[in-house]
PDB file of N, CA and C in Angstrom:
ATOM      1  N   MET A   1     107.031 -24.592  32.679  1.00  0.00           N
ATOM      2  CA  MET A   1     105.694 -24.953  32.273  1.00  0.00           C
ATOM      3  C   MET A   1     104.802 -24.863  33.504  1.00  0.00           C
ATOM      4  N   THR A   2     103.619 -24.329  33.297  1.00  0.00           N
ATOM      5  CA  THR A   2     102.626 -24.303  34.363  1.00  0.00           C
ATOM      6  C   THR A   2     101.348 -24.960  33.867  1.00  0.00           C
ATOM      7  N   VAL A   3     100.653 -25.600  34.777  1.00  0.00           N
ATOM      8  CA  VAL A   3      99.372 -26.218  34.473  1.00  0.00           C
ATOM      9  C   VAL A   3      98.392 -25.770  35.550  1.00  0.00           C
ATOM     10  N   GLU A   4      97.286 -25.194  35.126  1.00  0.00           N
ATOM     11  CA  GLU A   4      96.224 -24.810  36.049  1.00  0.00           C
ATOM     12  C   GLU A   4      94.976 -25.583  35.667  1.00  0.00           C
ATOM     13  N   ALA A   5      94.301 -26.126  36.657  1.00  0.00           N
ATOM     14  CA  ALA A   5      93.082 -26.885  36.410  1.00  0.00           C
ATOM     15  C   ALA A   5      91.947 -26.317  37.249  1.00  0.00           C
ATOM     16  N   THR A   6      90.781 -26.202  36.618  1.00  0.00           N
ATOM     17  CA  THR A   6      89.589 -25.779  37.344  1.00  0.00           C
ATOM     18  C   THR A   6      88.438 -26.697  36.960  1.00  0.00           C
ATOM     19  N   HIS A   7      87.499 -26.832  37.874  1.00  0.00           N
ATOM     20  CA  HIS A   7      86.314 -27.656  37.645  1.00  0.00           C
ATOM     21  C   HIS A   7      85.100 -26.753  37.757  1.00  0.00           C
ATOM     22  N   ASP A   8      84.153 -26.905  36.854  1.00  0.00           N
ATOM     23  CA  ASP A   8      82.994 -26.010  36.830  1.00  0.00           C
ATOM     24  C   ASP A   8      81.862 -26.442  37.759  1.00  0.00           C
ATOM     25  N   ALA A   9      82.109 -27.406  38.632  1.00  0.00           N
ATOM     26  CA  ALA A   9      81.127 -27.940  39.584  1.00  0.00           C
ATOM     27  C   ALA A   9      79.990 -28.683  38.883  1.00  0.00           C
ATOM     28  N   ARG A  10      80.142 -28.934  37.605  1.00  0.00           N
ATOM     29  CA  ARG A  10      79.156 -29.724  36.865  1.00  0.00           C
ATOM     30  C   ARG A  10      79.853 -30.956  36.315  1.00  0.00           C
ATOM     31  N   SER A  11      80.346 -30.845  35.086  1.00  0.00           N
ATOM     32  CA  SER A  11      80.969 -32.036  34.496  1.00  0.00           C
ATOM     33  C   SER A  11      82.187 -31.730  33.636  1.00  0.00           C
ATOM     34  N   TYR A  12      82.704 -30.508  33.711  1.00  0.00           N
ATOM     35  CA  TYR A  12      83.839 -30.158  32.861  1.00  0.00           C
ATOM     36  C   TYR A  12      85.042 -29.687  33.669  1.00  0.00           C
ATOM     37  N   VAL A  13      86.215 -30.022  33.166  1.00  0.00           N
ATOM     38  CA  VAL A  13      87.487 -29.579  33.730  1.00  0.00           C
ATOM     39  C   VAL A  13      88.165 -28.723  32.672  1.00  0.00           C
ATOM     40  N   THR A  14      88.679 -27.579  33.077  1.00  0.00           N
ATOM     41  CA  THR A  14      89.434 -26.724  32.170  1.00  0.00           C
ATOM     42  C   THR A  14      90.897 -26.767  32.584  1.00  0.00           C
ATOM     43  N   LEU A  15      91.766 -27.097  31.640  1.00  0.00           N
ATOM     44  CA  LEU A  15      93.206 -27.114  31.864  1.00  0.00           C
ATOM     45  C   LEU A  15      93.829 -25.984  31.064  1.00  0.00           C
ATOM     46  N   GLN A  16      94.631 -25.166  31.730  1.00  0.00           N
ATOM     47  CA  GLN A  16      95.394 -24.121  31.041  1.00  0.00           C
ATOM     48  C   GLN A  16      96.860 -24.490  31.190  1.00  0.00           C
ATOM     49  N   ILE A  17      97.516 -24.723  30.064  1.00  0.00           N
ATOM     50  CA  ILE A  17      98.915 -25.146  30.051  1.00  0.00           C
ATOM     51  C   ILE A  17      99.725 -24.048  29.377  1.00  0.00           C
ATOM     52  N   ALA A  18     100.762 -23.587  30.067  1.00  0.00           N
ATOM     53  CA  ALA A  18     101.592 -22.501  29.535  1.00  0.00           C
ATOM     54  C   ALA A  18     103.059 -22.894  29.594  1.00  0.00           C
ATOM     55  N   ILE A  19     103.791 -22.535  28.542  1.00  0.00           N
ATOM     56  CA  ILE A  19     105.251 -22.689  28.548  1.00  0.00           C
ATOM     57  C   ILE A  19     105.854 -21.317  28.293  1.00  0.00           C
ATOM     58  N   ARG A  20     107.012 -21.090  28.900  1.00  0.00           N
ATOM     59  CA  ARG A  20     107.698 -19.800  28.767  1.00  0.00           C
ATOM     60  C   ARG A  20     109.192 -20.044  28.581  1.00  0.00           C
ATOM     61  N   ALA A  21     109.838 -19.078  27.977  1.00  0.00           N
ATOM     62  CA  ALA A  21     111.289 -19.163  27.808  1.00  0.00           C
ATOM     63  C   ALA A  21     111.938 -19.206  29.186  1.00  0.00           C
ATOM     64  N   HIS A  22     112.782 -20.179  29.425  1.00  0.00           N
ATOM     65  CA  HIS A  22     113.437 -20.354  30.721  1.00  0.00           C
ATOM     66  C   HIS A  22     114.379 -19.191  31.025  1.00  0.00           C
ATOM     67  N   GLY A  23     114.230 -18.613  32.206  1.00  0.00           N
ATOM     68  CA  GLY A  23     115.146 -17.579  32.666  1.00  0.00           C
ATOM     69  C   GLY A  23     114.982 -16.229  31.999  1.00  0.00           C
ATOM     70  N   ARG A  24     113.970 -16.064  31.150  1.00  0.00           N
ATOM     71  CA  ARG A  24     113.818 -14.811  30.412  1.00  0.00           C
ATOM     72  C   ARG A  24     112.419 -14.226  30.610  1.00  0.00           C
ATOM     73  N   LEU A  25     111.854 -14.481  31.776  1.00  0.00           N
ATOM     74  CA  LEU A  25     110.472 -14.117  32.039  1.00  0.00           C
ATOM     75  C   LEU A  25     110.181 -12.642  31.790  1.00  0.00           C
ATOM     76  N   TYR A  26     111.096 -11.755  32.157  1.00  0.00           N
ATOM     77  CA  TYR A  26     110.847 -10.319  32.024  1.00  0.00           C
ATOM     78  C   TYR A  26     111.658  -9.659  30.912  1.00  0.00           C
ATOM     79  N   ALA A  27     112.327 -10.441  30.089  1.00  0.00           N
ATOM     80  CA  ALA A  27     113.098  -9.890  28.972  1.00  0.00           C
ATOM     81  C   ALA A  27     112.144  -9.344  27.911  1.00  0.00           C
ATOM     82  N   THR A  28     112.594  -8.337  27.180  1.00  0.00           N
ATOM     83  CA  THR A  28     111.738  -7.731  26.152  1.00  0.00           C
ATOM     84  C   THR A  28     111.447  -8.696  25.003  1.00  0.00           C
ATOM     85  N   ASP A  29     112.323  -9.677  24.794  1.00  0.00           N
ATOM     86  CA  ASP A  29     112.086 -10.649  23.724  1.00  0.00           C
ATOM     87  C   ASP A  29     111.617 -12.006  24.255  1.00  0.00           C
ATOM     88  N   ALA A  30     111.128 -12.032  25.489  1.00  0.00           N
ATOM     89  CA  ALA A  30     110.640 -13.281  26.078  1.00  0.00           C
ATOM     90  C   ALA A  30     109.406 -13.767  25.316  1.00  0.00           C
ATOM     91  N   TRP A  31     109.212 -15.065  25.276  1.00  0.00           N
ATOM     92  CA  TRP A  31     108.083 -15.637  24.570  1.00  0.00           C
ATOM     93  C   TRP A  31     107.317 -16.561  25.513  1.00  0.00           C
ATOM     94  N   SER A  32     106.091 -16.822  25.181  1.00  0.00           N
ATOM     95  CA  SER A  32     105.286 -17.791  25.912  1.00  0.00           C
ATOM     96  C   SER A  32     104.214 -18.334  24.974  1.00  0.00           C
ATOM     97  N   ALA A  33     103.703 -19.495  25.322  1.00  0.00           N
ATOM     98  CA  ALA A  33     102.604 -20.105  24.573  1.00  0.00           C
ATOM     99  C   ALA A  33     101.648 -20.728  25.582  1.00  0.00           C
ATOM    100  N   THR A  34     100.359 -20.546  25.346  1.00  0.00           N
ATOM    101  CA  THR A  34      99.345 -21.064  26.259  1.00  0.00           C
ATOM    102  C   THR A  34      98.265 -21.770  25.456  1.00  0.00           C
ATOM    103  N   ILE A  35      97.794 -22.882  25.993  1.00  0.00           N
ATOM    104  CA  ILE A  35      96.669 -23.602  25.404  1.00  0.00           C
ATOM    105  C   ILE A  35      95.662 -23.868  26.517  1.00  0.00           C
ATOM    106  N   VAL A  36      94.393 -23.762  26.175  1.00  0.00           N
ATOM    107  CA  VAL A  36      93.317 -24.031  27.133  1.00  0.00           C
ATOM    108  C   VAL A  36      92.488 -25.182  26.581  1.00  0.00           C
ATOM    109  N   LEU A  37      92.329 -26.229  27.398  1.00  0.00           N
ATOM    110  CA  LEU A  37      91.545 -27.400  27.024  1.00  0.00           C
ATOM    111  C   LEU A  37      90.355 -27.510  27.965  1.00  0.00           C
ATOM    112  N   THR A  38      89.181 -27.723  27.426  1.00  0.00           N
ATOM    113  CA  THR A  38      88.004 -27.989  28.237  1.00  0.00           C
ATOM    114  C   THR A  38      87.577 -29.420  27.948  1.00  0.00           C
ATOM    115  N   LEU A  39      87.561 -30.233  28.991  1.00  0.00           N
ATOM    116  CA  LEU A  39      87.322 -31.661  28.840  1.00  0.00           C
ATOM    117  C   LEU A  39      86.204 -32.121  29.758  1.00  0.00           C
ATOM    118  N   ALA A  40      85.475 -33.143  29.328  1.00  0.00           N
ATOM    119  CA  ALA A  40      84.515 -33.790  30.216  1.00  0.00           C
ATOM    120  C   ALA A  40      85.305 -34.479  31.322  1.00  0.00           C
ATOM    121  N   ALA A  41      84.814 -34.384  32.531  1.00  0.00           N
ATOM    122  CA  ALA A  41      85.573 -34.862  33.688  1.00  0.00           C
ATOM    123  C   ALA A  41      85.784 -36.375  33.698  1.00  0.00           C
ATOM    124  N   GLY A  42      85.049 -37.135  32.944  1.00  0.00           N
ATOM    125  CA  GLY A  42      85.175 -38.591  32.957  1.00  0.00           C
ATOM    126  C   GLY A  42      86.107 -39.131  31.904  1.00  0.00           C
ATOM    127  N   GLU A  43      85.533 -39.646  30.821  1.00  0.00           N
ATOM    128  CA  GLU A  43      86.305 -40.347  29.794  1.00  0.00           C
ATOM    129  C   GLU A  43      87.330 -39.472  29.080  1.00  0.00           C
ATOM    130  N   GLN A  44      87.022 -38.200  28.835  1.00  0.00           N
ATOM    131  CA  GLN A  44      87.992 -37.350  28.147  1.00  0.00           C
ATOM    132  C   GLN A  44      89.234 -37.138  28.996  1.00  0.00           C
ATOM    133  N   MET A  45      89.063 -36.993  30.308  1.00  0.00           N
ATOM    134  CA  MET A  45      90.231 -36.838  31.182  1.00  0.00           C
ATOM    135  C   MET A  45      91.057 -38.120  31.200  1.00  0.00           C
ATOM    136  N   THR A  46      90.382 -39.255  31.260  1.00  0.00           N
ATOM    137  CA  THR A  46      91.083 -40.548  31.250  1.00  0.00           C
ATOM    138  C   THR A  46      91.867 -40.716  29.953  1.00  0.00           C
ATOM    139  N   ALA A  47      91.262 -40.384  28.826  1.00  0.00           N
ATOM    140  CA  ALA A  47      91.942 -40.502  27.537  1.00  0.00           C
ATOM    141  C   ALA A  47      93.136 -39.561  27.452  1.00  0.00           C
ATOM    142  N   LEU A  48      92.991 -38.337  27.961  1.00  0.00           N
ATOM    143  CA  LEU A  48      94.103 -37.386  27.952  1.00  0.00           C
ATOM    144  C   LEU A  48      95.273 -37.906  28.771  1.00  0.00           C
ATOM    145  N   VAL A  49      94.996 -38.428  29.957  1.00  0.00           N
ATOM    146  CA  VAL A  49      96.059 -38.967  30.809  1.00  0.00           C
ATOM    147  C   VAL A  49      96.787 -40.101  30.101  1.00  0.00           C
ATOM    148  N   CYS A  50      96.060 -40.992  29.449  1.00  0.00           N
ATOM    149  CA  CYS A  50      96.692 -42.096  28.713  1.00  0.00           C
ATOM    150  C   CYS A  50      97.562 -41.575  27.572  1.00  0.00           C
ATOM    151  N   ASP A  51      97.070 -40.598  26.830  1.00  0.00           N
ATOM    152  CA  ASP A  51      97.840 -40.031  25.720  1.00  0.00           C
ATOM    153  C   ASP A  51      99.109 -39.345  26.211  1.00  0.00           C
ATOM    154  N   VAL A  52      99.020 -38.600  27.289  1.00  0.00           N
ATOM    155  CA  VAL A  52     100.199 -37.911  27.835  1.00  0.00           C
ATOM    156  C   VAL A  52     101.205 -38.930  28.357  1.00  0.00           C
ATOM    157  N   ARG A  53     100.728 -39.977  29.001  1.00  0.00           N
ATOM    158  CA  ARG A  53     101.626 -41.028  29.504  1.00  0.00           C
ATOM    159  C   ARG A  53     102.409 -41.649  28.351  1.00  0.00           C
ATOM    160  N   VAL A  54     101.721 -41.961  27.256  1.00  0.00           N
ATOM    161  CA  VAL A  54     102.395 -42.546  26.083  1.00  0.00           C
ATOM    162  C   VAL A  54     103.411 -41.551  25.518  1.00  0.00           C
ATOM    163  N   LEU A  55     103.026 -40.297  25.414  1.00  0.00           N
ATOM    164  CA  LEU A  55     103.917 -39.275  24.881  1.00  0.00           C
ATOM    165  C   LEU A  55     105.189 -39.143  25.716  1.00  0.00           C
ATOM    166  N   LEU A  56     105.035 -39.123  27.041  1.00  0.00           N
ATOM    167  CA  LEU A  56     106.187 -38.891  27.911  1.00  0.00           C
ATOM    168  C   LEU A  56     107.047 -40.123  28.138  1.00  0.00           C
ATOM    169  N   THR A  57     106.522 -41.297  27.880  1.00  0.00           N
ATOM    170  CA  THR A  57     107.307 -42.503  28.125  1.00  0.00           C
ATOM    171  C   THR A  57     107.783 -43.189  26.852  1.00  0.00           C
ATOM    172  N   SER A  58     107.439 -42.640  25.680  1.00  0.00           N
ATOM    173  CA  SER A  58     107.877 -43.263  24.439  1.00  0.00           C
ATOM    174  C   SER A  58     109.368 -43.016  24.235  1.00  0.00           C
ATOM    175  N   PRO A  59     110.080 -43.986  23.660  1.00  0.00           N
ATOM    176  CA  PRO A  59     111.518 -43.815  23.408  1.00  0.00           C
ATOM    177  C   PRO A  59     111.816 -42.600  22.518  1.00  0.00           C
ATOM    178  N   ARG A  60     110.922 -42.308  21.600  1.00  0.00           N
ATOM    179  CA  ARG A  60     111.119 -41.174  20.708  1.00  0.00           C
ATOM    180  C   ARG A  60     111.111 -39.859  21.496  1.00  0.00           C
ATOM    181  N   ALA A  61     110.289 -39.745  22.534  1.00  0.00           N
ATOM    182  CA  ALA A  61     110.223 -38.515  23.331  1.00  0.00           C
ATOM    183  C   ALA A  61     111.533 -38.281  24.079  1.00  0.00           C
ATOM    184  N   ALA A  62     112.198 -39.346  24.491  1.00  0.00           N
ATOM    185  CA  ALA A  62     113.453 -39.213  25.225  1.00  0.00           C
ATOM    186  C   ALA A  62     114.593 -38.762  24.348  1.00  0.00           C
ATOM    187  N   THR A  63     114.518 -39.016  23.045  1.00  0.00           N
ATOM    188  CA  THR A  63     115.608 -38.664  22.144  1.00  0.00           C
ATOM    189  C   THR A  63     115.374 -37.368  21.396  1.00  0.00           C
ATOM    190  N   SER A  64     114.197 -36.816  21.493  1.00  0.00           N
ATOM    191  CA  SER A  64     113.875 -35.594  20.740  1.00  0.00           C
ATOM    192  C   SER A  64     114.516 -34.379  21.366  1.00  0.00           C
TER     193      SER A  64
END
């Protein structure tokens, strides 16, 4: 997984999150998925961090 973040020097942060098949980067059947999020640098970033923290620390995430 890769995460790239950029700031537009105003009030927005763009996050590009990509996942790829492990060890198969150059295989003909390799897959990847990318999502781009544009968030306000203040409250939206804070809310995202809280949501990700809950997702990664919930007991259900550890057993999935």
